[in-house]
N, C-alpha and C. Protein backbone atom coordinates (compact mmCIF):
# COMPACT_ATOMS: atom_id res chain seq x y z
N UNK A 1 1.14 -1.35 0.05
CA UNK A 1 0.17 0.08 0.00
C UNK A 1 0.80 1.36 0.16
N UNK A 2 0.45 2.16 -0.57
CA UNK A 2 1.21 3.54 -0.88
C UNK A 2 0.56 4.93 -0.71
N UNK A 3 0.93 5.69 -0.15
CA UNK A 3 0.08 6.94 0.10
C UNK A 3 -0.25 7.65 -0.77
N UNK A 4 -1.38 7.62 -0.98
CA UNK A 4 -2.37 8.15 -2.08
C UNK A 4 -1.87 9.73 -1.93
N UNK A 5 -2.40 10.38 -3.33
CA UNK A 5 -2.43 11.61 -3.52
C UNK A 5 -3.35 12.41 -3.26
N UNK A 6 -3.40 13.40 -2.39
CA UNK A 6 -4.82 14.31 -2.17
C UNK A 6 -4.77 15.75 -2.73
N UNK A 7 -5.45 16.29 -3.14
CA UNK A 7 -5.70 17.68 -3.59
C UNK A 7 -6.32 18.43 -3.05
N UNK A 8 -6.21 19.71 -3.59
CA UNK A 8 -7.24 20.71 -3.00
C UNK A 8 -8.69 20.30 -3.12
N UNK A 9 -8.99 19.69 -4.41
CA UNK A 9 -10.29 19.11 -4.51
C UNK A 9 -10.75 17.90 -3.78
N UNK A 10 -10.11 17.42 -3.18
CA UNK A 10 -10.40 16.09 -2.27
C UNK A 10 -9.86 16.26 -1.20
N UNK A 11 -9.20 17.14 -0.72
CA UNK A 11 -8.57 17.23 0.57
C UNK A 11 -10.11 17.09 1.96
N UNK A 12 -10.86 18.06 1.46
CA UNK A 12 -12.07 18.04 2.62
C UNK A 12 -12.71 16.77 2.76
N UNK A 13 -12.83 16.05 1.95
CA UNK A 13 -13.43 14.63 1.96
C UNK A 13 -12.57 13.52 2.43
N UNK A 14 -11.13 13.62 2.00
CA UNK A 14 -10.27 12.50 2.27
C UNK A 14 -9.61 12.73 3.77
N UNK A 15 -9.51 14.24 3.96
CA UNK A 15 -9.04 14.29 5.32
C UNK A 15 -9.55 14.78 6.63
N UNK A 16 -10.23 15.89 6.10
CA UNK A 16 -11.17 16.47 7.24
C UNK A 16 -12.48 15.74 7.61
N UNK A 17 -12.89 15.11 6.53
CA UNK A 17 -14.17 14.24 6.83
C UNK A 17 -13.83 12.87 7.11
N UNK A 18 -12.38 12.36 7.39
CA UNK A 18 -12.43 10.71 7.41
C UNK A 18 -12.58 10.45 8.98
N UNK A 19 -13.03 9.24 8.98
CA UNK A 19 -13.59 8.56 10.23
C UNK A 19 -12.31 8.41 11.14
N UNK A 20 -11.24 8.07 10.25
CA UNK A 20 -9.84 7.53 10.53
C UNK A 20 -8.82 8.89 11.00
N UNK A 21 -7.88 8.63 11.88
CA UNK A 21 -6.66 9.38 12.02
C UNK A 21 -5.97 9.65 10.63
N UNK A 22 -5.47 10.76 9.93
CA UNK A 22 -5.16 11.04 8.68
C UNK A 22 -3.53 11.65 8.91
N UNK A 23 -2.67 11.18 8.14
CA UNK A 23 -1.26 11.85 8.14
C UNK A 23 -1.28 12.42 7.00
N UNK A 24 -0.89 13.56 6.82
CA UNK A 24 -0.96 14.38 5.62
C UNK A 24 0.54 14.86 5.32
N UNK A 25 1.24 14.04 4.53
CA UNK A 25 2.70 14.42 3.90
C UNK A 25 2.73 15.54 3.05
N UNK A 26 2.87 16.71 3.53
CA UNK A 26 3.02 17.66 2.59
C UNK A 26 4.46 17.91 2.02
N UNK A 27 4.57 17.69 0.65
CA UNK A 27 6.06 17.51 -0.12
C UNK A 27 5.91 17.84 -1.46
N UNK A 28 6.96 17.99 -1.81
CA UNK A 28 7.34 18.18 -3.58
C UNK A 28 8.12 17.29 -4.11
N UNK A 29 8.26 17.02 -5.44
CA UNK A 29 9.00 16.34 -6.60
C UNK A 29 10.33 16.58 -6.26
N UNK A 30 10.93 17.92 -6.27
CA UNK A 30 12.24 18.30 -6.05
C UNK A 30 13.12 18.33 -4.91
N UNK A 31 12.07 17.65 -3.94
CA UNK A 31 12.64 17.93 -2.62
C UNK A 31 12.99 16.41 -2.18
N UNK A 32 14.75 16.24 -2.15
CA UNK A 32 15.31 15.13 -1.61
C UNK A 32 14.43 14.39 -0.53
N UNK A 33 15.11 15.41 0.73
CA UNK A 33 14.26 14.70 2.04
C UNK A 33 12.83 14.11 2.04
N UNK A 34 12.27 14.83 0.79
CA UNK A 34 10.77 14.15 0.85
C UNK A 34 10.92 13.14 0.03
N UNK A 35 11.40 12.77 -0.91
CA UNK A 35 11.63 11.39 -1.58
C UNK A 35 12.37 10.38 -0.87
N UNK A 36 13.32 10.76 0.25
CA UNK A 36 13.68 9.69 1.22
C UNK A 36 12.90 9.16 2.07
N UNK A 37 11.86 9.89 2.53
CA UNK A 37 10.97 9.72 3.34
C UNK A 37 9.81 8.68 3.04
N UNK A 38 9.75 8.98 1.79
CA UNK A 38 8.09 8.19 1.25
C UNK A 38 8.16 7.02 1.43
N UNK A 39 9.44 6.09 1.12
CA UNK A 39 9.08 4.73 1.31
C UNK A 39 9.13 4.28 2.85
N UNK A 40 9.56 5.29 3.85
CA UNK A 40 9.38 5.12 5.12
C UNK A 40 7.76 5.16 5.72
N UNK A 41 6.98 6.46 4.98
CA UNK A 41 5.75 6.41 5.24
C UNK A 41 4.85 5.73 4.63
N UNK A 42 5.38 4.81 3.53
CA UNK A 42 4.76 3.67 2.93
C UNK A 42 4.77 2.51 3.44
N UNK A 43 5.52 2.30 4.28
CA UNK A 43 6.03 1.21 5.29
C UNK A 43 5.05 1.44 6.82
N UNK A 44 4.87 2.55 7.10
CA UNK A 44 3.96 2.73 8.25
C UNK A 44 2.36 2.56 7.82
N UNK A 45 2.12 3.49 6.79
CA UNK A 45 0.95 2.85 5.85
C UNK A 45 0.21 1.38 5.95
N UNK A 46 1.40 0.68 5.37
CA UNK A 46 0.88 -0.77 5.33
C UNK A 46 0.83 -1.19 6.67
N UNK A 47 1.62 -0.90 7.31
CA UNK A 47 1.76 -1.73 8.85
C UNK A 47 0.68 -1.23 9.86
N UNK A 48 0.18 -0.22 9.63
CA UNK A 48 -0.70 0.49 10.50
C UNK A 48 -2.10 1.24 9.75
N UNK A 49 -2.58 0.51 8.86
CA UNK A 49 -3.65 0.71 7.77
C UNK A 49 -4.90 0.75 8.68
N UNK A 50 -5.10 0.08 9.36
CA UNK A 50 -6.26 -0.05 10.65
C UNK A 50 -6.53 1.10 11.48
N UNK A 51 -5.21 1.92 11.61
CA UNK A 51 -5.51 3.00 12.67
C UNK A 51 -4.82 4.17 12.09
N UNK A 52 -4.56 4.54 10.71
CA UNK A 52 -4.11 5.61 10.12
C UNK A 52 -4.17 5.62 8.65
N UNK A 53 -4.69 6.61 8.05
CA UNK A 53 -4.33 6.60 6.26
C UNK A 53 -3.59 7.68 6.45
N UNK A 54 -2.50 7.31 5.63
CA UNK A 54 -1.48 8.35 4.95
C UNK A 54 -1.69 8.95 3.57
N UNK A 55 -1.71 10.32 3.35
CA UNK A 55 -2.02 10.67 2.27
C UNK A 55 -0.76 11.53 1.76
N UNK A 56 -0.76 12.34 0.77
CA UNK A 56 0.15 13.16 -0.05
C UNK A 56 -0.35 14.46 -0.55
N UNK A 57 0.31 15.28 -0.05
CA UNK A 57 -0.24 16.98 -0.87
C UNK A 57 1.18 17.59 -1.34
N UNK A 58 0.96 17.52 -3.00
CA UNK A 58 2.11 18.24 -3.69
C UNK A 58 2.12 19.63 -3.34
N UNK A 59 2.97 20.34 -2.79
CA UNK A 59 2.91 21.72 -2.21
C UNK A 59 2.89 22.56 -3.72
N UNK A 60 3.82 22.28 -4.60
CA UNK A 60 3.64 22.92 -5.72
C UNK A 60 2.39 22.58 -6.74
N UNK A 61 1.71 21.78 -6.63
CA UNK A 61 0.37 21.57 -7.24
C UNK A 61 -0.87 22.25 -6.49
N UNK A 62 -0.67 22.26 -5.08
CA UNK A 62 -1.99 22.78 -4.19
C UNK A 62 -1.33 23.70 -3.10
N UNK A 63 -0.95 24.75 -3.67
CA UNK A 63 -0.59 26.23 -3.07
C UNK A 63 -1.50 26.59 -1.79
N UNK A 64 -2.57 26.25 -2.18
CA UNK A 64 -3.46 26.84 -1.47
C UNK A 64 -3.68 25.82 0.00
N UNK A 65 -3.49 24.73 -0.16
CA UNK A 65 -3.45 24.08 0.93
C UNK A 65 -2.16 24.45 1.89
N UNK A 66 -0.97 24.26 1.05
CA UNK A 66 0.13 24.80 1.69
C UNK A 66 0.24 25.87 2.45
N UNK A 67 -0.37 27.28 1.89
CA UNK A 67 -0.83 28.44 2.60
C UNK A 67 -1.78 28.19 3.73
N UNK A 68 -2.49 27.36 3.58
CA UNK A 68 -3.83 27.50 4.70
C UNK A 68 -3.23 26.63 5.85
N UNK A 69 -2.25 25.67 5.70
CA UNK A 69 -1.41 25.12 6.63
C UNK A 69 -0.21 25.42 7.17
N UNK A 70 -0.02 26.75 6.78
CA UNK A 70 1.25 27.29 6.76
C UNK A 70 2.18 26.48 6.70
N UNK A 71 2.53 25.62 5.71
CA UNK A 71 3.73 24.89 5.37
C UNK A 71 4.94 25.83 4.82
N UNK A 72 5.70 25.94 5.62
CA UNK A 72 7.14 26.75 5.36
C UNK A 72 8.31 25.97 5.01
N UNK A 73 8.17 24.61 5.39
CA UNK A 73 9.41 23.93 5.20
C UNK A 73 8.64 22.41 4.91
N UNK A 74 9.61 21.93 3.95
CA UNK A 74 8.93 20.29 3.60
C UNK A 74 9.94 19.61 3.89
N UNK A 75 10.24 18.14 4.14
CA UNK A 75 8.56 17.33 4.35
C UNK A 75 8.14 18.19 5.43
N UNK A 76 6.53 18.15 5.64
CA UNK A 76 5.76 18.50 6.61
C UNK A 76 4.79 17.55 6.91
N UNK A 77 4.81 17.19 7.87
CA UNK A 77 3.78 16.17 8.15
C UNK A 77 2.52 16.70 9.14
N UNK A 78 1.30 16.42 9.02
CA UNK A 78 0.34 17.21 9.93
C UNK A 78 -0.76 16.07 10.24
N UNK A 79 -1.00 15.54 11.36
CA UNK A 79 -2.14 14.62 11.61
C UNK A 79 -3.40 15.25 12.18
N UNK A 80 -4.38 14.46 11.48
CA UNK A 80 -5.52 15.30 11.78
C UNK A 80 -6.50 14.39 12.19
N UNK A 81 -7.30 14.61 13.24
CA UNK A 81 -8.36 13.54 14.04
C UNK A 81 -9.41 14.54 14.10
N UNK A 82 -10.61 14.19 13.22
CA UNK A 82 -11.60 14.81 13.12
C UNK A 82 -11.90 16.27 12.66
N UNK A 83 -10.97 16.19 11.60
CA UNK A 83 -10.94 17.43 10.98
C UNK A 83 -10.01 18.47 11.56
N UNK A 84 -9.05 18.57 12.80
CA UNK A 84 -8.33 19.10 13.35
C UNK A 84 -6.95 18.60 13.33
N UNK A 85 -5.76 19.75 13.00
CA UNK A 85 -4.20 19.44 12.97
C UNK A 85 -4.06 19.07 14.72
N UNK A 86 -3.88 17.80 15.05
CA UNK A 86 -3.50 17.42 16.43
C UNK A 86 -2.02 17.01 16.45
N UNK A 87 -1.54 17.29 15.69
CA UNK A 87 0.13 16.83 15.72
C UNK A 87 0.91 17.32 14.23
N UNK A 88 2.10 17.84 14.37
CA UNK A 88 2.96 18.74 13.49
C UNK A 88 4.14 17.74 13.73
N UNK A 89 4.78 17.78 12.34
CA UNK A 89 6.25 16.80 12.69
C UNK A 89 6.93 17.40 11.26
N UNK A 90 8.03 17.94 11.37
CA UNK A 90 8.76 18.69 10.16
C UNK A 90 10.22 17.98 10.16
N UNK A 91 10.43 17.75 8.79
CA UNK A 91 11.86 17.16 8.65
C UNK A 91 11.61 16.02 8.26
N UNK A 92 12.42 14.89 7.59
CA UNK A 92 12.84 13.67 7.16
C UNK A 92 13.24 13.06 8.60
N UNK A 93 12.60 11.70 8.93
CA UNK A 93 13.29 11.27 9.91
C UNK A 93 13.62 9.78 9.62
N UNK A 94 14.22 8.96 10.34
CA UNK A 94 14.33 7.56 10.08
C UNK A 94 12.77 6.90 10.44
N UNK A 95 12.55 5.90 10.32
CA UNK A 95 11.13 5.19 10.48
C UNK A 95 11.13 4.94 11.81
N UNK A 96 12.10 4.63 12.90
CA UNK A 96 11.81 4.81 14.23
C UNK A 96 11.45 6.07 14.97
N UNK A 97 12.22 6.75 14.56
CA UNK A 97 11.92 8.44 14.94
C UNK A 97 10.49 8.78 14.74
N UNK A 98 9.94 8.28 13.36
CA UNK A 98 8.60 8.65 12.94
C UNK A 98 7.85 8.23 13.65
N UNK A 99 7.97 6.60 13.74
CA UNK A 99 6.68 5.72 14.78
C UNK A 99 6.85 6.43 15.75
N UNK A 100 7.77 6.81 16.52
CA UNK A 100 8.04 7.65 18.38
C UNK A 100 6.59 8.77 18.21
N UNK A 101 7.22 9.73 16.94
CA UNK A 101 6.33 10.66 16.78
C UNK A 101 4.98 10.56 16.53
N UNK A 102 4.60 9.16 16.04
CA UNK A 102 2.97 8.81 15.73
C UNK A 102 2.29 7.73 16.60
N UNK A 103 3.42 7.48 17.99
CA UNK A 103 3.10 6.65 18.86
C UNK A 103 1.47 6.63 18.87
N UNK A 104 1.13 7.99 19.42
CA UNK A 104 -0.06 8.10 20.32
C UNK A 104 -1.37 7.60 19.32
N UNK A 105 -0.81 7.52 18.04
CA UNK A 105 -2.02 7.20 16.88
C UNK A 105 -1.92 5.96 16.38
N UNK A 106 -0.50 5.21 16.16
CA UNK A 106 -0.82 3.97 15.79
C UNK A 106 -0.40 2.89 16.37
N UNK A 107 -0.23 2.82 18.02
CA UNK A 107 -0.29 1.82 19.03
C UNK A 107 -1.38 1.49 19.59
């Protein structure tokens, strides 16, 4: 399972109205750390698919979302529950560090 792309058109339905906890990866094609962390997010998505959905927002293609959620550096990860941001993580990290950041949502 890989993280699916979400756009300004689908963000409301797929993230804000989701029954599950959703981690949004704000990223860009040209961002090396974004590309490095992508397979780690895919692993977390498949290992914890019962607890959390992981989606990606390309900030170059969806600038309104990046502005709305104050994305000033990427990769940036925001965890949403019931339409609200409950956690923000900035920067690429190894899998154990990301899992520690997300422990409240995946364990």
